Amino acid sequence: MRFHQGVAFLETEQLLELCKATDEMGYAGITVSDHIFYPKQLSSPYPYSPYEDGSPIWQPEADWPDAWCLISAMAAVTRNLRFTTSVYIAPARDLYTVAKAVGTAAVISNNRVTLGVGAGWCKDEFVATGQEFHDRGKRLDDMIPALRALWSGGWVEYHGSHYDVPPMQMNPSPTEPVPIMVGGISEPALRRMARLSDGFLATGPYSEEEAVAWVGRARRALEAEGRSWEGFPITLALAAEPDVDLYKRVEEAGVTDLICAPWMFAERADSRDYRSTLDAKLRATEDFANRIIAKM
């Protein structure tokens, strides 16, 4: 089992120090989430909201640093961690912007990045960036192979259903393939994962029973595409107190990577704010490493 510390919502000025500590404590990676801005009036309800009004689980004031700028900075102060976007709303940007940002981060990090992508839910972001919202899934289906072509090095081109790339070079290019994982809870997302991805981001958080069910759904989708699920990465978060026995059970069921948030157990005043001191986060990160990771 690999453990990745999720750092969504956290104070940007604390992230590099927290990242350095995470690198030294046996974690496999860090996951970074993505939003461009928070609109005062949301056009779309948050699909994972526990609230009746469909509002997100974070405050409007929460930090959302640019994922690839942050990953490049974190890669510069670490040696071992892998950085994964969970998830990056790629179709809210144009193809070349995504390819350039991810490819550069891959080079800077010495190939320690994984692009986790999703179709997105916030229509306001697509409107603001001039990207069509209603065909975002189909564009993402075509963007994934287009990105792989643009990262392959030398003279490249790609001709697909939504993107037409004339012969060009985009340098620097990664020296290894950038893994692309697909997230989402819809049937189209599962089909996209099975056809095109290098892994499944089921995200969550889920109960143990829900996590096992997601493993089953992912495996059935892979089998439908004629792909083997043996060794296929499945990443998610659990809605449960940290527990070694629980983690061993979901590992046996097929979960390969867990997104954890030790900082959520740091002392803080507001359950929707997530803010605490850096020292509190560091203590919680070390405690999780000692109680869980060292025993796994």
C-alpha atoms as a PDB file:
ATOM      1  CA  MET A   1       0.000   0.000   0.000  1.00  0.00           C
ATOM      2  CA  ARG A   2       1.273   3.453  -0.937  1.00  0.00           C
ATOM      3  CA  PHE A   3       0.191   6.509   1.050  1.00  0.00           C
ATOM      4  CA  HIS A   4      -0.198   9.944  -0.519  1.00  0.00           C
ATOM      5  CA  GLN A   5      -0.847  13.015   1.577  1.00  0.00           C
ATOM      6  CA  GLY A   6      -3.608  15.173   0.071  1.00  0.00           C
ATOM      7  CA  VAL A   7      -2.995  18.895   0.516  1.00  0.00           C
ATOM      8  CA  ALA A   8      -6.181  20.445  -0.869  1.00  0.00           C
ATOM      9  CA  PHE A   9      -7.467  23.524   0.995  1.00  0.00           C
ATOM     10  CA  LEU A  10      -4.245  24.060   2.957  1.00  0.00           C
ATOM     11  CA  GLU A  11      -2.429  27.345   3.420  1.00  0.00           C
ATOM     12  CA  THR A  12      -0.093  27.830   0.463  1.00  0.00           C
ATOM     13  CA  GLU A  13       2.698  29.326   2.554  1.00  0.00           C
ATOM     14  CA  GLN A  14       2.920  26.099   4.612  1.00  0.00           C
ATOM     15  CA  LEU A  15       3.031  23.630   1.748  1.00  0.00           C
ATOM     16  CA  LEU A  16       6.759  23.478   0.982  1.00  0.00           C
ATOM     17  CA  GLU A  17       7.720  22.796   4.606  1.00  0.00           C
ATOM     18  CA  LEU A  18       4.952  20.221   4.931  1.00  0.00           C
ATOM     19  CA  CYS A  19       6.065  18.639   1.666  1.00  0.00           C
ATOM     20  CA  LYS A  20       9.696  18.356   2.810  1.00  0.00           C
ATOM     21  CA  ALA A  21       8.586  16.653   6.023  1.00  0.00           C
ATOM     22  CA  THR A  22       6.307  14.292   4.099  1.00  0.00           C
ATOM     23  CA  ASP A  23       9.249  13.306   1.897  1.00  0.00           C
ATOM     24  CA  GLU A  24      11.290  12.319   4.950  1.00  0.00           C
ATOM     25  CA  MET A  25       8.582  10.258   6.688  1.00  0.00           C
ATOM     26  CA  GLY A  26       7.936   7.405   4.291  1.00  0.00           C
ATOM     27  CA  TYR A  27       4.973   8.706   2.304  1.00  0.00           C
ATOM     28  CA  ALA A  28       4.879   7.735  -1.366  1.00  0.00           C
ATOM     29  CA  GLY A  29       3.529  10.998  -2.658  1.00  0.00           C
ATOM     30  CA  ILE A  30       1.399  14.090  -2.411  1.00  0.00           C
ATOM     31  CA  THR A  31      -1.869  14.743  -4.212  1.00  0.00           C
ATOM     32  CA  VAL A  32      -2.813  18.223  -5.360  1.00  0.00           C
ATOM     33  CA  SER A  33      -6.352  19.292  -6.238  1.00  0.00           C
ATOM     34  CA  ASP A  34      -7.441  21.848  -8.799  1.00  0.00           C
ATOM     35  CA  HIS A  35      -9.787  24.785  -9.134  1.00  0.00           C
ATOM     36  CA  ILE A  36      -9.114  28.046 -10.930  1.00  0.00           C
ATOM     37  CA  PHE A  37     -11.367  30.273  -8.815  1.00  0.00           C
ATOM     38  CA  TYR A  38     -14.449  30.238  -6.589  1.00  0.00           C
ATOM     39  CA  PRO A  39     -17.472  32.028  -8.131  1.00  0.00           C
ATOM     40  CA  LYS A  40     -19.740  33.972  -5.802  1.00  0.00           C
ATOM     41  CA  GLN A  41     -22.730  32.400  -7.560  1.00  0.00           C
ATOM     42  CA  LEU A  42     -22.187  28.771  -8.555  1.00  0.00           C
ATOM     43  CA  SER A  43     -23.846  27.629 -11.784  1.00  0.00           C
ATOM     44  CA  SER A  44     -23.388  23.969 -10.888  1.00  0.00           C
ATOM     45  CA  PRO A  45     -23.923  22.182  -7.559  1.00  0.00           C
ATOM     46  CA  TYR A  46     -20.923  20.374  -6.126  1.00  0.00           C
ATOM     47  CA  PRO A  47     -21.658  16.700  -6.952  1.00  0.00           C
ATOM     48  CA  TYR A  48     -20.047  15.370  -3.753  1.00  0.00           C
ATOM     49  CA  SER A  49     -21.687  17.864  -1.406  1.00  0.00           C
ATOM     50  CA  PRO A  50     -23.101  16.584   1.898  1.00  0.00           C
ATOM     51  CA  TYR A  51     -25.198  19.764   2.190  1.00  0.00           C
ATOM     52  CA  GLU A  52     -28.758  20.239   0.971  1.00  0.00           C
ATOM     53  CA  ASP A  53     -27.887  23.345  -1.046  1.00  0.00           C
ATOM     54  CA  GLY A  54     -25.134  21.538  -2.977  1.00  0.00           C
ATOM     55  CA  SER A  55     -22.401  23.851  -1.723  1.00  0.00           C
ATOM     56  CA  PRO A  56     -18.773  22.675  -1.690  1.00  0.00           C
ATOM     57  CA  ILE A  57     -17.100  21.371   1.452  1.00  0.00           C
ATOM     58  CA  TRP A  58     -14.545  24.216   1.480  1.00  0.00           C
ATOM     59  CA  GLN A  59     -14.849  27.901   2.242  1.00  0.00           C
ATOM     60  CA  PRO A  60     -14.664  30.489  -0.562  1.00  0.00           C
ATOM     61  CA  GLU A  61     -11.435  31.769   0.990  1.00  0.00           C
ATOM     62  CA  ALA A  62      -9.647  28.407   0.653  1.00  0.00           C
ATOM     63  CA  ASP A  63      -6.368  28.481  -1.277  1.00  0.00           C
ATOM     64  CA  TRP A  64      -6.214  26.797  -4.692  1.00  0.00           C
ATOM     65  CA  PRO A  65      -2.637  27.333  -5.930  1.00  0.00           C
ATOM     66  CA  ASP A  66      -1.963  26.410  -9.529  1.00  0.00           C
ATOM     67  CA  ALA A  67      -1.316  22.668  -9.485  1.00  0.00           C
ATOM     68  CA  TRP A  68       1.711  22.560 -11.781  1.00  0.00           C
ATOM     69  CA  CYS A  69       3.374  25.637 -10.353  1.00  0.00           C
ATOM     70  CA  LEU A  70       3.017  24.086  -6.895  1.00  0.00           C
ATOM     71  CA  ILE A  71       4.195  20.645  -8.015  1.00  0.00           C
ATOM     72  CA  SER A  72       7.303  22.115  -9.639  1.00  0.00           C
ATOM     73  CA  ALA A  73       8.127  23.982  -6.431  1.00  0.00           C
ATOM     74  CA  MET A  74       7.561  20.889  -4.271  1.00  0.00           C
ATOM     75  CA  ALA A  75       9.636  18.734  -6.595  1.00  0.00           C
ATOM     76  CA  ALA A  76      12.544  21.154  -6.188  1.00  0.00           C
ATOM     77  CA  VAL A  77      12.702  20.576  -2.413  1.00  0.00           C
ATOM     78  CA  THR A  78      12.167  16.775  -2.379  1.00  0.00           C
ATOM     79  CA  ARG A  79      13.835  13.650  -3.700  1.00  0.00           C
ATOM     80  CA  ASN A  80      11.363  10.784  -3.411  1.00  0.00           C
ATOM     81  CA  LEU A  81       7.737  11.910  -3.510  1.00  0.00           C
ATOM     82  CA  ARG A  82       5.512  11.396  -6.543  1.00  0.00           C
ATOM     83  CA  PHE A  83       3.076  14.229  -7.235  1.00  0.00           C
ATOM     84  CA  THR A  84      -0.406  13.462  -8.541  1.00  0.00           C
ATOM     85  CA  THR A  85      -3.273  15.774  -9.427  1.00  0.00           C
ATOM     86  CA  SER A  86      -6.493  14.525  -7.898  1.00  0.00           C
ATOM     87  CA  VAL A  87      -7.913  15.705 -10.132  1.00  0.00           C
ATOM     88  CA  TYR A  88      -6.822  18.258 -12.728  1.00  0.00           C
ATOM     89  CA  ILE A  89      -9.685  19.638 -14.823  1.00  0.00           C
ATOM     90  CA  ALA A  90      -7.785  19.387 -18.080  1.00  0.00           C
ATOM     91  CA  PRO A  91     -10.684  20.199 -20.469  1.00  0.00           C
ATOM     92  CA  ALA A  92     -11.146  23.577 -18.772  1.00  0.00           C
ATOM     93  CA  ARG A  93      -7.859  24.497 -20.479  1.00  0.00           C
ATOM     94  CA  ASP A  94      -6.634  24.269 -24.037  1.00  0.00           C
ATOM     95  CA  LEU A  95      -4.563  21.250 -25.039  1.00  0.00           C
ATOM     96  CA  TYR A  96      -1.252  23.080 -25.433  1.00  0.00           C
ATOM     97  CA  THR A  97      -1.431  24.792 -22.048  1.00  0.00           C
ATOM     98  CA  VAL A  98      -1.954  21.426 -20.348  1.00  0.00           C
ATOM     99  CA  ALA A  99       0.787  19.702 -22.345  1.00  0.00           C
ATOM    100  CA  LYS A 100       3.323  22.459 -21.653  1.00  0.00           C
ATOM    101  CA  ALA A 101       2.640  22.744 -17.909  1.00  0.00           C
ATOM    102  CA  VAL A 102       2.613  19.007 -17.209  1.00  0.00           C
ATOM    103  CA  GLY A 103       5.562  18.240 -19.460  1.00  0.00           C
ATOM    104  CA  THR A 104       7.711  20.937 -17.865  1.00  0.00           C
ATOM    105  CA  ALA A 105       6.821  19.735 -14.354  1.00  0.00           C
ATOM    106  CA  ALA A 106       7.749  16.185 -15.386  1.00  0.00           C
ATOM    107  CA  VAL A 107      11.184  17.349 -16.482  1.00  0.00           C
ATOM    108  CA  ILE A 108      11.782  19.503 -13.395  1.00  0.00           C
ATOM    109  CA  SER A 109      10.731  16.662 -11.074  1.00  0.00           C
ATOM    110  CA  ASN A 110      12.800  14.002 -12.873  1.00  0.00           C
ATOM    111  CA  ASN A 111       9.645  12.164 -13.948  1.00  0.00           C
ATOM    112  CA  ARG A 112       7.905  12.200 -10.549  1.00  0.00           C
ATOM    113  CA  VAL A 113       4.518  13.429 -11.736  1.00  0.00           C
ATOM    114  CA  THR A 114       1.257  11.674 -12.519  1.00  0.00           C
ATOM    115  CA  LEU A 115      -1.517  13.512 -14.312  1.00  0.00           C
ATOM    116  CA  GLY A 116      -4.843  12.659 -12.725  1.00  0.00           C
ATOM    117  CA  VAL A 117      -7.635  14.087 -14.872  1.00  0.00           C
ATOM    118  CA  GLY A 118     -11.382  14.524 -14.637  1.00  0.00           C
ATOM    119  CA  ALA A 119     -14.050  16.109 -16.802  1.00  0.00           C
ATOM    120  CA  GLY A 120     -14.993  18.621 -14.097  1.00  0.00           C
ATOM    121  CA  TRP A 121     -18.274  19.842 -12.646  1.00  0.00           C
ATOM    122  CA  CYS A 122     -17.931  23.642 -12.288  1.00  0.00           C
ATOM    123  CA  LYS A 123     -19.394  25.218 -15.419  1.00  0.00           C
ATOM    124  CA  ASP A 124     -18.231  28.686 -14.350  1.00  0.00           C
ATOM    125  CA  GLU A 125     -14.579  27.739 -14.861  1.00  0.00           C
ATOM    126  CA  PHE A 126     -15.215  26.555 -18.422  1.00  0.00           C
ATOM    127  CA  VAL A 127     -17.124  29.707 -19.294  1.00  0.00           C
ATOM    128  CA  ALA A 128     -14.348  31.906 -17.893  1.00  0.00           C
ATOM    129  CA  THR A 129     -11.586  30.102 -19.809  1.00  0.00           C
ATOM    130  CA  GLY A 130     -13.544  29.955 -23.060  1.00  0.00           C
ATOM    131  CA  GLN A 131     -13.794  26.155 -23.152  1.00  0.00           C
ATOM    132  CA  GLU A 132     -17.019  24.374 -24.049  1.00  0.00           C
ATOM    133  CA  PHE A 133     -18.643  22.751 -21.011  1.00  0.00           C
ATOM    134  CA  HIS A 134     -21.114  20.348 -22.606  1.00  0.00           C
ATOM    135  CA  ASP A 135     -18.595  18.345 -24.667  1.00  0.00           C
ATOM    136  CA  ARG A 136     -15.884  18.320 -21.983  1.00  0.00           C
ATOM    137  CA  GLY A 137     -15.961  14.526 -21.628  1.00  0.00           C
ATOM    138  CA  LYS A 138     -15.537  13.871 -25.335  1.00  0.00           C
ATOM    139  CA  ARG A 139     -12.754  16.433 -25.515  1.00  0.00           C
ATOM    140  CA  LEU A 140     -10.995  14.783 -22.589  1.00  0.00           C
ATOM    141  CA  ASP A 141     -11.214  11.431 -24.393  1.00  0.00           C
ATOM    142  CA  ASP A 142      -9.333  12.981 -27.309  1.00  0.00           C
ATOM    143  CA  MET A 143      -7.002  15.074 -25.150  1.00  0.00           C
ATOM    144  CA  ILE A 144      -5.430  12.066 -23.410  1.00  0.00           C
ATOM    145  CA  PRO A 145      -3.847  10.527 -26.548  1.00  0.00           C
ATOM    146  CA  ALA A 146      -3.033  14.007 -27.849  1.00  0.00           C
ATOM    147  CA  LEU A 147      -1.058  14.760 -24.676  1.00  0.00           C
ATOM    148  CA  ARG A 148       0.858  11.527 -24.985  1.00  0.00           C
ATOM    149  CA  ALA A 149       1.773  12.458 -28.544  1.00  0.00           C
ATOM    150  CA  LEU A 150       2.944  15.944 -27.551  1.00  0.00           C
ATOM    151  CA  TRP A 151       5.161  14.520 -24.791  1.00  0.00           C
ATOM    152  CA  SER A 152       6.807  11.888 -26.977  1.00  0.00           C
ATOM    153  CA  GLY A 153       9.739  14.136 -28.003  1.00  0.00           C
ATOM    154  CA  GLY A 154      11.084  15.331 -31.327  1.00  0.00           C
ATOM    155  CA  TRP A 155       8.757  16.177 -34.193  1.00  0.00           C
ATOM    156  CA  VAL A 156       5.225  15.165 -33.245  1.00  0.00           C
ATOM    157  CA  GLU A 157       1.731  15.485 -34.638  1.00  0.00           C
ATOM    158  CA  TYR A 158      -1.743  14.286 -33.724  1.00  0.00           C
ATOM    159  CA  HIS A 159      -5.025  14.170 -35.591  1.00  0.00           C
ATOM    160  CA  GLY A 160      -8.108  13.288 -33.563  1.00  0.00           C
ATOM    161  CA  SER A 161     -11.796  14.015 -33.257  1.00  0.00           C
ATOM    162  CA  HIS A 162     -11.381  17.302 -31.351  1.00  0.00           C
ATOM    163  CA  TYR A 163      -7.681  18.189 -31.594  1.00  0.00           C
ATOM    164  CA  ASP A 164      -5.589  18.555 -34.706  1.00  0.00           C
ATOM    165  CA  VAL A 165      -1.883  19.071 -33.986  1.00  0.00           C
ATOM    166  CA  PRO A 166       0.326  19.906 -36.977  1.00  0.00           C
ATOM    167  CA  PRO A 167       3.982  18.788 -36.941  1.00  0.00           C
ATOM    168  CA  MET A 168       5.764  20.565 -34.082  1.00  0.00           C
ATOM    169  CA  GLN A 169       8.241  20.192 -31.259  1.00  0.00           C
ATOM    170  CA  MET A 170       7.307  20.972 -27.653  1.00  0.00           C
ATOM    171  CA  ASN A 171      10.416  21.093 -25.520  1.00  0.00           C
ATOM    172  CA  PRO A 172      11.490  20.222 -22.929  1.00  0.00           C
ATOM    173  CA  SER A 173       9.799  16.859 -23.232  1.00  0.00           C
ATOM    174  CA  PRO A 174       9.623  14.201 -20.491  1.00  0.00           C
ATOM    175  CA  THR A 175      12.229  11.451 -20.719  1.00  0.00           C
ATOM    176  CA  GLU A 176       9.669   8.894 -19.487  1.00  0.00           C
ATOM    177  CA  PRO A 177       5.938   8.553 -20.207  1.00  0.00           C
ATOM    178  CA  VAL A 178       3.783  10.610 -17.849  1.00  0.00           C
ATOM    179  CA  PRO A 179       1.221   8.266 -16.249  1.00  0.00           C
ATOM    180  CA  ILE A 180      -2.347   9.462 -16.777  1.00  0.00           C
ATOM    181  CA  MET A 181      -4.980   8.423 -14.249  1.00  0.00           C
ATOM    182  CA  VAL A 182      -8.681   9.080 -14.726  1.00  0.00           C
ATOM    183  CA  GLY A 183     -11.081  10.129 -11.983  1.00  0.00           C
ATOM    184  CA  GLY A 184     -14.848  10.377 -11.846  1.00  0.00           C
ATOM    185  CA  ILE A 185     -17.912   8.532 -10.642  1.00  0.00           C
ATOM    186  CA  SER A 186     -20.025   8.453 -13.821  1.00  0.00           C
ATOM    187  CA  GLU A 187     -20.295   5.580 -16.285  1.00  0.00           C
ATOM    188  CA  PRO A 188     -18.544   7.622 -19.010  1.00  0.00           C
ATOM    189  CA  ALA A 189     -15.688   8.278 -16.574  1.00  0.00           C
ATOM    190  CA  LEU A 190     -15.368   4.552 -15.852  1.00  0.00           C
ATOM    191  CA  ARG A 191     -15.286   3.772 -19.577  1.00  0.00           C
ATOM    192  CA  ARG A 192     -12.682   6.492 -20.102  1.00  0.00           C
ATOM    193  CA  MET A 193     -10.601   5.041 -17.304  1.00  0.00           C
ATOM    194  CA  ALA A 194     -10.788   1.529 -18.748  1.00  0.00           C
ATOM    195  CA  ARG A 195      -9.995   2.574 -22.330  1.00  0.00           C
ATOM    196  CA  LEU A 196      -7.401   5.261 -21.912  1.00  0.00           C
ATOM    197  CA  SER A 197      -5.835   5.450 -18.459  1.00  0.00           C
ATOM    198  CA  ASP A 198      -2.877   4.109 -16.542  1.00  0.00           C
ATOM    199  CA  GLY A 199      -4.877   4.007 -13.293  1.00  0.00           C
ATOM    200  CA  PHE A 200      -8.163   4.844 -11.584  1.00  0.00           C
ATOM    201  CA  LEU A 201      -8.683   7.774  -9.198  1.00  0.00           C
ATOM    202  CA  ALA A 202     -11.821   6.818  -7.320  1.00  0.00           C
ATOM    203  CA  THR A 203     -11.025   9.703  -4.900  1.00  0.00           C
ATOM    204  CA  GLY A 204     -13.734   9.534  -2.179  1.00  0.00           C
ATOM    205  CA  PRO A 205     -13.761   9.490   0.797  1.00  0.00           C
ATOM    206  CA  TYR A 206     -15.589   6.172   0.978  1.00  0.00           C
ATOM    207  CA  SER A 207     -16.541   3.586   3.544  1.00  0.00           C
ATOM    208  CA  GLU A 208     -14.750   0.236   3.393  1.00  0.00           C
ATOM    209  CA  GLU A 209     -17.737  -1.330   1.657  1.00  0.00           C
ATOM    210  CA  GLU A 210     -17.897   1.480  -0.902  1.00  0.00           C
ATOM    211  CA  ALA A 211     -14.166   1.221  -1.572  1.00  0.00           C
ATOM    212  CA  VAL A 212     -14.426  -2.514  -2.259  1.00  0.00           C
ATOM    213  CA  ALA A 213     -17.389  -1.852  -4.547  1.00  0.00           C
ATOM    214  CA  TRP A 214     -15.364   0.686  -6.531  1.00  0.00           C
ATOM    215  CA  VAL A 215     -12.593  -1.854  -7.005  1.00  0.00           C
ATOM    216  CA  GLY A 216     -15.185  -4.218  -8.445  1.00  0.00           C
ATOM    217  CA  ARG A 217     -16.607  -1.601 -10.785  1.00  0.00           C
ATOM    218  CA  ALA A 218     -13.135  -0.671 -12.027  1.00  0.00           C
ATOM    219  CA  ARG A 219     -12.223  -4.291 -12.666  1.00  0.00           C
ATOM    220  CA  ARG A 220     -15.429  -4.979 -14.584  1.00  0.00           C
ATOM    221  CA  ALA A 221     -14.848  -1.887 -16.723  1.00  0.00           C
ATOM    222  CA  LEU A 222     -11.291  -3.014 -17.501  1.00  0.00           C
ATOM    223  CA  GLU A 223     -12.442  -6.514 -18.396  1.00  0.00           C
ATOM    224  CA  ALA A 224     -15.065  -5.039 -20.736  1.00  0.00           C
ATOM    225  CA  GLU A 225     -12.225  -3.326 -22.602  1.00  0.00           C
ATOM    226  CA  GLY A 226     -10.142  -6.503 -22.703  1.00  0.00           C
ATOM    227  CA  ARG A 227      -7.579  -5.148 -20.222  1.00  0.00           C
ATOM    228  CA  SER A 228      -6.129  -6.957 -17.243  1.00  0.00           C
ATOM    229  CA  TRP A 229      -6.763  -5.523 -13.789  1.00  0.00           C
ATOM    230  CA  GLU A 230      -3.770  -7.314 -12.268  1.00  0.00           C
ATOM    231  CA  GLY A 231      -1.525  -4.630 -10.792  1.00  0.00           C
ATOM    232  CA  PHE A 232      -3.753  -1.831 -12.102  1.00  0.00           C
ATOM    233  CA  PRO A 233      -3.416   1.195  -9.763  1.00  0.00           C
ATOM    234  CA  ILE A 234      -6.570   2.165  -7.862  1.00  0.00           C
ATOM    235  CA  THR A 235      -6.345   5.250  -5.674  1.00  0.00           C
ATOM    236  CA  LEU A 236      -8.975   6.473  -3.218  1.00  0.00           C
ATOM    237  CA  ALA A 237      -9.575   7.994   0.195  1.00  0.00           C
ATOM    238  CA  LEU A 238     -11.405   6.359   3.077  1.00  0.00           C
ATOM    239  CA  ALA A 239     -13.903   8.046   5.392  1.00  0.00           C
ATOM    240  CA  ALA A 240     -12.623   6.365   8.537  1.00  0.00           C
ATOM    241  CA  GLU A 241     -10.222   6.824  11.411  1.00  0.00           C
ATOM    242  CA  PRO A 242      -6.697   5.674  10.462  1.00  0.00           C
ATOM    243  CA  ASP A 243      -6.446   1.933  11.094  1.00  0.00           C
ATOM    244  CA  VAL A 244      -3.801  -0.566   9.966  1.00  0.00           C
ATOM    245  CA  ASP A 245      -6.204  -3.517   9.821  1.00  0.00           C
ATOM    246  CA  LEU A 246      -8.676  -1.537   7.705  1.00  0.00           C
ATOM    247  CA  TYR A 247      -5.949  -0.504   5.288  1.00  0.00           C
ATOM    248  CA  LYS A 248      -4.724  -4.095   4.970  1.00  0.00           C
ATOM    249  CA  ARG A 249      -8.245  -5.264   4.142  1.00  0.00           C
ATOM    250  CA  VAL A 250      -8.772  -2.731   1.359  1.00  0.00           C
ATOM    251  CA  GLU A 251      -5.288  -3.498   0.056  1.00  0.00           C
ATOM    252  CA  GLU A 252      -6.243  -7.163  -0.206  1.00  0.00           C
ATOM    253  CA  ALA A 253      -9.397  -6.091  -2.044  1.00  0.00           C
ATOM    254  CA  GLY A 254      -7.326  -4.315  -4.695  1.00  0.00           C
ATOM    255  CA  VAL A 255      -6.748  -0.735  -3.535  1.00  0.00           C
ATOM    256  CA  THR A 256      -3.112   0.089  -4.280  1.00  0.00           C
ATOM    257  CA  ASP A 257      -2.870   3.707  -3.129  1.00  0.00           C
ATOM    258  CA  LEU A 258      -4.559   5.677  -0.347  1.00  0.00           C
ATOM    259  CA  ILE A 259      -5.004   9.425  -0.213  1.00  0.00           C
ATOM    260  CA  CYS A 260      -4.705  10.380   3.432  1.00  0.00           C
ATOM    261  CA  ALA A 261      -5.012  13.684   5.250  1.00  0.00           C
ATOM    262  CA  PRO A 262      -3.217  13.520   8.597  1.00  0.00           C
ATOM    263  CA  TRP A 263      -3.491  17.312   8.881  1.00  0.00           C
ATOM    264  CA  MET A 264      -7.253  16.906   9.316  1.00  0.00           C
ATOM    265  CA  PHE A 265      -6.503  15.535  12.769  1.00  0.00           C
ATOM    266  CA  ALA A 266      -4.455  18.596  13.694  1.00  0.00           C
ATOM    267  CA  GLU A 267      -6.052  20.988  16.135  1.00  0.00           C
ATOM    268  CA  ARG A 268      -8.271  23.517  14.353  1.00  0.00           C
ATOM    269  CA  ALA A 269     -11.307  25.614  15.132  1.00  0.00           C
ATOM    270  CA  ASP A 270     -13.592  25.219  12.099  1.00  0.00           C
ATOM    271  CA  SER A 271     -14.376  21.884  10.420  1.00  0.00           C
ATOM    272  CA  ARG A 272     -14.924  23.626   7.048  1.00  0.00           C
ATOM    273  CA  ASP A 273     -11.845  25.849   7.301  1.00  0.00           C
ATOM    274  CA  TYR A 274      -9.068  23.211   7.631  1.00  0.00           C
ATOM    275  CA  ARG A 275      -6.594  25.834   8.842  1.00  0.00           C
ATOM    276  CA  SER A 276      -4.133  25.058  11.616  1.00  0.00           C
ATOM    277  CA  THR A 277      -0.548  25.909  12.439  1.00  0.00           C
ATOM    278  CA  LEU A 278       2.296  24.370  10.473  1.00  0.00           C
ATOM    279  CA  ASP A 279       3.614  22.742  13.655  1.00  0.00           C
ATOM    280  CA  ALA A 280       0.244  21.080  14.252  1.00  0.00           C
ATOM    281  CA  LYS A 281       0.219  19.692  10.702  1.00  0.00           C
ATOM    282  CA  LEU A 282       3.785  18.423  11.020  1.00  0.00           C
ATOM    283  CA  ARG A 283       2.982  16.624  14.268  1.00  0.00           C
ATOM    284  CA  ALA A 284      -0.084  14.997  12.722  1.00  0.00           C
ATOM    285  CA  THR A 285       1.909  13.975   9.635  1.00  0.00           C
ATOM    286  CA  GLU A 286       4.608  12.369  11.769  1.00  0.00           C
ATOM    287  CA  ASP A 287       2.067  10.630  13.999  1.00  0.00           C
ATOM    288  CA  PHE A 288       0.358   9.028  10.979  1.00  0.00           C
ATOM    289  CA  ALA A 289       3.726   7.906   9.611  1.00  0.00           C
ATOM    290  CA  ASN A 290       4.652   6.262  12.908  1.00  0.00           C
ATOM    291  CA  ARG A 291       1.276   4.672  13.677  1.00  0.00           C
ATOM    292  CA  ILE A 292       0.295   3.591  10.173  1.00  0.00           C
ATOM    293  CA  ILE A 293       2.948   3.715   7.460  1.00  0.00           C
ATOM    294  CA  ALA A 294       5.703   2.152   9.560  1.00  0.00           C
ATOM    295  CA  LYS A 295       3.394  -0.761  10.381  1.00  0.00           C
ATOM    296  CA  MET A 296       2.218  -1.359   6.828  1.00  0.00           C
END
